[in-house]
């Protein structure tokens, strides 16, 4: 598993919103400036998070984004899977994104990579936005 800038920025934005509380809508500009995220890129990320029901938004003078569910109900694994796909080190051991890969030719490697997948997955599933905010 390798995080892309897209999932890293999504996590930064979610952490910022979690720290701001659930009542206020926070503008894209405020989030982008506070977290050092390019505004246009952040717009795309926030739209993906909104479509997946992690954020709600409001337009206008006091518009922006806020968490649509409590921060303690959003696992890091969910966000990374949404934006980057598999948490597994190779798709051939992925639970949700299985694809055949050359590594399958060596059956002794599969259990090792499954164990790595499970360690990473279990930790990210057990860690919420609230835990790191």
N, C-alpha and C. Protein backbone atom coordinates (compact mmCIF):
# COMPACT_ATOMS: atom_id res chain seq x y z
N UNK A 1 0.83 -1.17 0.00
CA UNK A 1 0.00 0.00 0.00
C UNK A 1 0.88 1.24 0.00
N UNK A 2 0.53 2.17 -0.87
CA UNK A 2 1.21 3.45 -0.93
C UNK A 2 0.14 4.52 -1.02
N UNK A 3 0.19 5.46 -0.09
CA UNK A 3 -0.79 6.54 -0.12
C UNK A 3 -0.46 7.52 -1.24
N UNK A 4 -1.50 7.96 -1.93
CA UNK A 4 -1.32 9.01 -2.93
C UNK A 4 -1.53 10.36 -2.25
N UNK A 5 -1.17 11.41 -2.95
CA UNK A 5 -1.42 12.76 -2.43
C UNK A 5 -2.91 12.97 -2.20
N UNK A 6 -3.71 12.36 -3.03
CA UNK A 6 -5.16 12.50 -2.91
C UNK A 6 -5.66 12.00 -1.55
N UNK A 7 -5.25 10.82 -1.13
CA UNK A 7 -5.71 10.32 0.17
C UNK A 7 -5.02 11.05 1.32
N UNK A 8 -3.76 11.44 1.16
CA UNK A 8 -3.09 12.20 2.21
C UNK A 8 -3.80 13.53 2.44
N UNK A 9 -4.13 14.23 1.37
CA UNK A 9 -4.83 15.51 1.51
C UNK A 9 -6.24 15.32 2.07
N UNK A 10 -6.90 14.24 1.68
CA UNK A 10 -8.23 13.95 2.23
C UNK A 10 -8.16 13.77 3.74
N UNK A 11 -7.16 13.03 4.20
CA UNK A 11 -7.01 12.83 5.64
C UNK A 11 -6.71 14.15 6.35
N UNK A 12 -5.86 14.98 5.75
CA UNK A 12 -5.56 16.28 6.35
C UNK A 12 -6.82 17.15 6.44
N UNK A 13 -7.61 17.15 5.40
CA UNK A 13 -8.85 17.94 5.40
C UNK A 13 -9.83 17.42 6.44
N UNK A 14 -9.98 16.11 6.52
CA UNK A 14 -10.90 15.53 7.51
C UNK A 14 -10.45 15.82 8.93
N UNK A 15 -9.16 15.76 9.18
CA UNK A 15 -8.64 16.08 10.51
C UNK A 15 -8.92 17.53 10.86
N UNK A 16 -8.71 18.41 9.90
CA UNK A 16 -8.98 19.82 10.14
C UNK A 16 -10.45 20.05 10.46
N UNK A 17 -11.32 19.45 9.67
CA UNK A 17 -12.76 19.60 9.91
C UNK A 17 -13.17 18.99 11.25
N UNK A 18 -12.57 17.88 11.63
CA UNK A 18 -12.88 17.26 12.92
C UNK A 18 -12.49 18.18 14.07
N UNK A 19 -11.36 18.84 13.94
CA UNK A 19 -10.90 19.76 14.99
C UNK A 19 -11.77 21.02 15.07
N UNK A 20 -12.38 21.39 13.96
CA UNK A 20 -13.23 22.58 13.93
C UNK A 20 -14.61 22.33 14.55
N UNK A 21 -14.98 21.09 14.71
CA UNK A 21 -16.29 20.77 15.25
C UNK A 21 -17.29 20.49 14.16
N UNK A 22 -18.41 19.95 14.54
CA UNK A 22 -19.39 19.50 13.55
C UNK A 22 -20.44 20.55 13.21
N UNK A 23 -20.47 21.65 13.89
CA UNK A 23 -21.51 22.64 13.66
C UNK A 23 -21.21 23.61 12.53
N UNK A 24 -19.98 24.03 12.42
CA UNK A 24 -19.62 25.07 11.47
C UNK A 24 -19.27 24.51 10.10
N UNK A 25 -19.66 25.23 9.07
CA UNK A 25 -19.22 24.93 7.71
C UNK A 25 -17.92 25.70 7.49
N UNK A 26 -16.92 25.03 6.98
CA UNK A 26 -15.61 25.63 6.79
C UNK A 26 -15.34 25.75 5.29
N UNK A 27 -14.90 26.93 4.86
CA UNK A 27 -14.68 27.16 3.43
C UNK A 27 -13.49 26.36 2.91
N UNK A 28 -13.54 26.08 1.63
CA UNK A 28 -12.44 25.39 0.98
C UNK A 28 -11.16 26.18 1.14
N UNK A 29 -11.25 27.48 0.98
CA UNK A 29 -10.07 28.34 1.10
C UNK A 29 -9.44 28.23 2.48
N UNK A 30 -10.25 28.19 3.51
CA UNK A 30 -9.74 28.07 4.88
C UNK A 30 -9.01 26.74 5.07
N UNK A 31 -9.63 25.66 4.62
CA UNK A 31 -9.02 24.33 4.75
C UNK A 31 -7.72 24.27 3.95
N UNK A 32 -7.76 24.74 2.71
CA UNK A 32 -6.59 24.70 1.83
C UNK A 32 -5.42 25.48 2.43
N UNK A 33 -5.71 26.66 2.95
CA UNK A 33 -4.66 27.49 3.54
C UNK A 33 -4.10 26.85 4.81
N UNK A 34 -4.98 26.39 5.68
CA UNK A 34 -4.56 25.82 6.95
C UNK A 34 -3.73 24.55 6.78
N UNK A 35 -4.06 23.74 5.77
CA UNK A 35 -3.38 22.45 5.60
C UNK A 35 -2.38 22.44 4.44
N UNK A 36 -2.23 23.56 3.75
CA UNK A 36 -1.27 23.63 2.65
C UNK A 36 -1.62 22.74 1.48
N UNK A 37 -2.91 22.71 1.14
CA UNK A 37 -3.40 21.86 0.05
C UNK A 37 -3.78 22.76 -1.13
N UNK A 38 -3.35 22.42 -2.34
CA UNK A 38 -3.78 23.22 -3.50
C UNK A 38 -5.31 23.25 -3.60
N UNK A 39 -5.86 24.45 -3.73
CA UNK A 39 -7.32 24.65 -3.66
C UNK A 39 -8.09 23.82 -4.68
N UNK A 40 -7.67 23.83 -5.92
CA UNK A 40 -8.39 23.10 -6.98
C UNK A 40 -8.37 21.59 -6.71
N UNK A 41 -7.25 21.10 -6.24
CA UNK A 41 -7.13 19.68 -5.92
C UNK A 41 -8.04 19.35 -4.74
N UNK A 42 -8.07 20.23 -3.75
CA UNK A 42 -8.92 20.03 -2.58
C UNK A 42 -10.40 20.01 -2.97
N UNK A 43 -10.80 20.85 -3.89
CA UNK A 43 -12.20 20.86 -4.35
C UNK A 43 -12.62 19.48 -4.85
N UNK A 44 -11.76 18.85 -5.65
CA UNK A 44 -12.07 17.52 -6.19
C UNK A 44 -12.16 16.48 -5.07
N UNK A 45 -11.24 16.56 -4.13
CA UNK A 45 -11.21 15.61 -3.02
C UNK A 45 -12.46 15.76 -2.14
N UNK A 46 -12.80 16.99 -1.81
CA UNK A 46 -13.97 17.23 -0.97
C UNK A 46 -15.25 16.79 -1.66
N UNK A 47 -15.32 16.96 -2.95
CA UNK A 47 -16.48 16.50 -3.71
C UNK A 47 -16.60 14.97 -3.63
N UNK A 48 -15.48 14.27 -3.75
CA UNK A 48 -15.50 12.80 -3.61
C UNK A 48 -15.95 12.39 -2.22
N UNK A 49 -15.47 13.08 -1.21
CA UNK A 49 -15.86 12.77 0.17
C UNK A 49 -17.34 13.09 0.41
N UNK A 50 -17.83 14.13 -0.23
CA UNK A 50 -19.25 14.47 -0.11
C UNK A 50 -20.12 13.41 -0.79
N UNK A 51 -19.73 12.99 -1.98
CA UNK A 51 -20.49 11.96 -2.70
C UNK A 51 -20.55 10.65 -1.91
N UNK A 52 -19.48 10.38 -1.16
CA UNK A 52 -19.42 9.16 -0.35
C UNK A 52 -20.08 9.36 1.03
N UNK A 53 -20.67 10.53 1.23
CA UNK A 53 -21.44 10.83 2.45
C UNK A 53 -20.58 11.00 3.71
N UNK A 54 -19.31 11.37 3.54
CA UNK A 54 -18.47 11.68 4.69
C UNK A 54 -18.56 13.17 5.04
N UNK A 55 -18.93 13.98 4.06
CA UNK A 55 -19.05 15.42 4.26
C UNK A 55 -20.41 15.91 3.81
N UNK A 56 -20.82 17.02 4.39
CA UNK A 56 -21.98 17.74 3.88
C UNK A 56 -21.50 19.15 3.53
N UNK A 57 -22.24 19.82 2.67
CA UNK A 57 -21.80 21.14 2.24
C UNK A 57 -22.98 22.10 2.20
N UNK A 58 -22.62 23.37 2.18
CA UNK A 58 -23.59 24.44 2.05
C UNK A 58 -22.96 25.51 1.19
N UNK A 59 -23.76 26.08 0.29
CA UNK A 59 -23.25 27.14 -0.58
C UNK A 59 -23.54 28.49 0.04
N UNK A 60 -22.88 29.50 -0.51
CA UNK A 60 -23.17 30.85 -0.09
C UNK A 60 -22.10 31.45 0.83
N UNK A 61 -22.44 32.62 1.36
CA UNK A 61 -21.52 33.41 2.19
C UNK A 61 -20.97 32.61 3.36
N UNK A 62 -21.80 31.85 4.03
CA UNK A 62 -21.36 31.05 5.18
C UNK A 62 -21.26 29.57 4.82
N UNK A 63 -20.99 29.34 3.55
CA UNK A 63 -20.93 27.98 3.06
C UNK A 63 -19.59 27.33 3.28
N UNK A 64 -19.53 26.10 2.88
CA UNK A 64 -18.31 25.32 3.02
C UNK A 64 -18.65 23.87 3.26
N UNK A 65 -17.77 23.20 3.99
CA UNK A 65 -17.93 21.78 4.28
C UNK A 65 -17.83 21.52 5.77
N UNK A 66 -18.47 20.43 6.18
CA UNK A 66 -18.32 19.92 7.54
C UNK A 66 -18.51 18.41 7.49
N UNK A 67 -18.13 17.75 8.56
CA UNK A 67 -18.30 16.30 8.62
C UNK A 67 -19.78 15.95 8.61
N UNK A 68 -20.14 14.93 7.85
CA UNK A 68 -21.53 14.49 7.79
C UNK A 68 -21.81 13.39 8.81
N UNK A 69 -20.75 12.81 9.36
CA UNK A 69 -20.89 11.81 10.41
C UNK A 69 -19.83 12.09 11.46
N UNK A 70 -20.02 11.59 12.65
CA UNK A 70 -19.03 11.85 13.70
C UNK A 70 -17.65 11.33 13.32
N UNK A 71 -16.63 12.06 13.74
CA UNK A 71 -15.25 11.70 13.41
C UNK A 71 -14.87 10.32 13.95
N UNK A 72 -15.52 9.90 15.02
CA UNK A 72 -15.20 8.59 15.57
C UNK A 72 -15.89 7.45 14.83
N UNK A 73 -16.63 7.78 13.79
CA UNK A 73 -17.27 6.77 12.94
C UNK A 73 -16.64 6.69 11.55
N UNK A 74 -15.55 7.44 11.35
CA UNK A 74 -14.87 7.44 10.06
C UNK A 74 -13.49 6.83 10.25
N UNK A 75 -13.29 5.63 9.72
CA UNK A 75 -11.98 4.99 9.87
C UNK A 75 -11.04 5.48 8.76
N UNK A 76 -9.77 5.46 9.07
CA UNK A 76 -8.78 5.85 8.07
C UNK A 76 -8.81 4.88 6.89
N UNK A 77 -9.09 3.61 7.16
CA UNK A 77 -9.16 2.61 6.09
C UNK A 77 -10.24 2.96 5.07
N UNK A 78 -11.39 3.42 5.54
CA UNK A 78 -12.48 3.77 4.62
C UNK A 78 -12.05 4.85 3.64
N UNK A 79 -11.39 5.86 4.16
CA UNK A 79 -11.00 7.00 3.34
C UNK A 79 -9.92 6.59 2.34
N UNK A 80 -8.94 5.83 2.80
CA UNK A 80 -7.86 5.40 1.91
C UNK A 80 -8.41 4.48 0.82
N UNK A 81 -9.29 3.57 1.18
CA UNK A 81 -9.89 2.68 0.16
C UNK A 81 -10.70 3.48 -0.85
N UNK A 82 -11.44 4.46 -0.37
CA UNK A 82 -12.26 5.29 -1.26
C UNK A 82 -11.39 5.98 -2.30
N UNK A 83 -10.27 6.53 -1.88
CA UNK A 83 -9.47 7.34 -2.78
C UNK A 83 -8.32 6.59 -3.46
N UNK A 84 -7.78 5.55 -2.81
CA UNK A 84 -6.62 4.86 -3.36
C UNK A 84 -6.86 3.40 -3.70
N UNK A 85 -7.95 2.83 -3.23
CA UNK A 85 -8.19 1.42 -3.50
C UNK A 85 -7.63 0.53 -2.42
N UNK A 86 -7.03 -0.56 -2.82
CA UNK A 86 -6.61 -1.63 -1.92
C UNK A 86 -5.59 -1.18 -0.88
N UNK A 87 -5.73 -1.75 0.32
CA UNK A 87 -4.74 -1.55 1.38
C UNK A 87 -3.65 -2.61 1.31
N UNK A 88 -3.87 -3.64 0.53
CA UNK A 88 -2.92 -4.75 0.41
C UNK A 88 -1.67 -4.32 -0.34
N UNK A 89 -0.52 -4.96 -0.03
CA UNK A 89 0.71 -4.62 -0.75
C UNK A 89 0.69 -5.06 -2.22
N UNK A 90 -0.18 -6.01 -2.54
CA UNK A 90 -0.37 -6.44 -3.92
C UNK A 90 -1.82 -6.86 -4.10
N UNK A 91 -2.37 -6.60 -5.27
CA UNK A 91 -3.79 -6.86 -5.49
C UNK A 91 -4.17 -8.32 -5.35
N UNK A 92 -3.22 -9.23 -5.50
CA UNK A 92 -3.54 -10.65 -5.44
C UNK A 92 -3.85 -11.12 -4.01
N UNK A 93 -3.60 -10.29 -3.01
CA UNK A 93 -3.98 -10.64 -1.64
C UNK A 93 -5.01 -9.66 -1.08
N UNK A 94 -5.55 -8.82 -1.93
CA UNK A 94 -6.54 -7.84 -1.50
C UNK A 94 -7.89 -8.50 -1.24
N UNK A 95 -8.55 -8.08 -0.17
CA UNK A 95 -9.88 -8.59 0.14
C UNK A 95 -10.95 -7.99 -0.77
N UNK A 96 -10.79 -6.73 -1.11
CA UNK A 96 -11.83 -6.01 -1.85
C UNK A 96 -11.48 -5.70 -3.29
N UNK A 97 -10.21 -5.75 -3.64
CA UNK A 97 -9.77 -5.33 -4.97
C UNK A 97 -8.90 -6.40 -5.63
N UNK A 98 -9.25 -7.67 -5.45
CA UNK A 98 -8.42 -8.74 -5.98
C UNK A 98 -8.23 -8.63 -7.49
N UNK A 99 -6.99 -8.79 -7.88
CA UNK A 99 -6.59 -8.92 -9.28
C UNK A 99 -5.45 -9.92 -9.29
N UNK A 100 -5.37 -10.79 -10.27
CA UNK A 100 -4.23 -11.71 -10.33
C UNK A 100 -2.93 -10.93 -10.56
N UNK A 101 -1.86 -11.37 -9.91
CA UNK A 101 -0.55 -10.74 -10.09
C UNK A 101 0.51 -11.84 -10.20
N UNK A 102 1.69 -11.51 -10.72
CA UNK A 102 2.75 -12.51 -10.89
C UNK A 102 3.18 -13.16 -9.58
N UNK A 103 3.04 -12.49 -8.46
CA UNK A 103 3.50 -13.03 -7.17
C UNK A 103 2.78 -14.32 -6.81
N UNK A 104 1.61 -14.54 -7.39
CA UNK A 104 0.85 -15.75 -7.10
C UNK A 104 1.57 -17.02 -7.58
N UNK A 105 2.54 -16.86 -8.43
CA UNK A 105 3.29 -18.03 -8.92
C UNK A 105 4.11 -18.68 -7.80
N UNK A 106 4.38 -17.93 -6.75
CA UNK A 106 5.12 -18.45 -5.59
C UNK A 106 4.18 -18.49 -4.40
N UNK A 107 3.59 -19.64 -4.19
CA UNK A 107 2.57 -19.80 -3.15
C UNK A 107 3.08 -19.46 -1.75
N UNK A 108 4.36 -19.61 -1.50
CA UNK A 108 4.90 -19.32 -0.18
C UNK A 108 4.93 -17.82 0.13
N UNK A 109 4.84 -16.99 -0.87
CA UNK A 109 4.83 -15.54 -0.65
C UNK A 109 3.44 -15.03 -0.25
N UNK A 110 2.42 -15.71 -0.70
CA UNK A 110 1.04 -15.25 -0.47
C UNK A 110 0.73 -15.08 1.02
N UNK A 111 1.01 -16.07 1.89
CA UNK A 111 0.70 -15.88 3.31
C UNK A 111 1.44 -14.68 3.94
N UNK A 112 2.67 -14.44 3.52
CA UNK A 112 3.43 -13.30 4.02
C UNK A 112 2.72 -12.00 3.67
N UNK A 113 2.34 -11.86 2.41
CA UNK A 113 1.69 -10.63 1.98
C UNK A 113 0.28 -10.50 2.55
N UNK A 114 -0.38 -11.60 2.81
CA UNK A 114 -1.68 -11.56 3.49
C UNK A 114 -1.52 -11.07 4.92
N UNK A 115 -0.47 -11.53 5.59
CA UNK A 115 -0.22 -11.09 6.96
C UNK A 115 0.07 -9.59 7.00
N UNK A 116 0.87 -9.11 6.06
CA UNK A 116 1.15 -7.67 5.97
C UNK A 116 -0.14 -6.91 5.72
N UNK A 117 -0.96 -7.41 4.79
CA UNK A 117 -2.25 -6.79 4.51
C UNK A 117 -3.09 -6.69 5.77
N UNK A 118 -3.17 -7.79 6.52
CA UNK A 118 -4.00 -7.82 7.72
C UNK A 118 -3.50 -6.85 8.79
N UNK A 119 -2.20 -6.76 8.96
CA UNK A 119 -1.65 -5.83 9.96
C UNK A 119 -1.99 -4.39 9.61
N UNK A 120 -1.78 -4.03 8.36
CA UNK A 120 -2.07 -2.67 7.91
C UNK A 120 -3.57 -2.40 7.97
N UNK A 121 -4.34 -3.31 7.43
CA UNK A 121 -5.79 -3.15 7.39
C UNK A 121 -6.39 -3.05 8.80
N UNK A 122 -5.98 -3.95 9.68
CA UNK A 122 -6.53 -3.94 11.04
C UNK A 122 -6.22 -2.63 11.76
N UNK A 123 -5.01 -2.13 11.60
CA UNK A 123 -4.63 -0.87 12.25
C UNK A 123 -5.43 0.30 11.69
N UNK A 124 -5.55 0.38 10.37
CA UNK A 124 -6.29 1.48 9.75
C UNK A 124 -7.79 1.39 10.00
N UNK A 125 -8.32 0.18 10.08
CA UNK A 125 -9.75 -0.01 10.39
C UNK A 125 -10.04 0.43 11.83
N UNK A 126 -9.10 0.18 12.72
CA UNK A 126 -9.30 0.48 14.14
C UNK A 126 -9.02 1.94 14.49
N UNK A 127 -8.44 2.68 13.55
CA UNK A 127 -8.09 4.08 13.81
C UNK A 127 -9.08 4.99 13.10
N UNK A 128 -9.70 5.88 13.87
CA UNK A 128 -10.67 6.81 13.31
C UNK A 128 -10.07 8.21 13.18
N UNK A 129 -10.78 9.04 12.46
CA UNK A 129 -10.37 10.44 12.33
C UNK A 129 -10.29 11.08 13.72
N UNK A 130 -11.23 10.74 14.59
CA UNK A 130 -11.23 11.29 15.95
C UNK A 130 -9.98 10.87 16.72
N UNK A 131 -9.52 9.65 16.51
CA UNK A 131 -8.33 9.16 17.21
C UNK A 131 -7.10 10.00 16.91
N UNK A 132 -6.98 10.45 15.69
CA UNK A 132 -5.78 11.22 15.32
C UNK A 132 -6.00 12.73 15.34
N UNK A 133 -7.26 13.13 15.45
CA UNK A 133 -7.53 14.57 15.57
C UNK A 133 -7.26 15.01 16.99
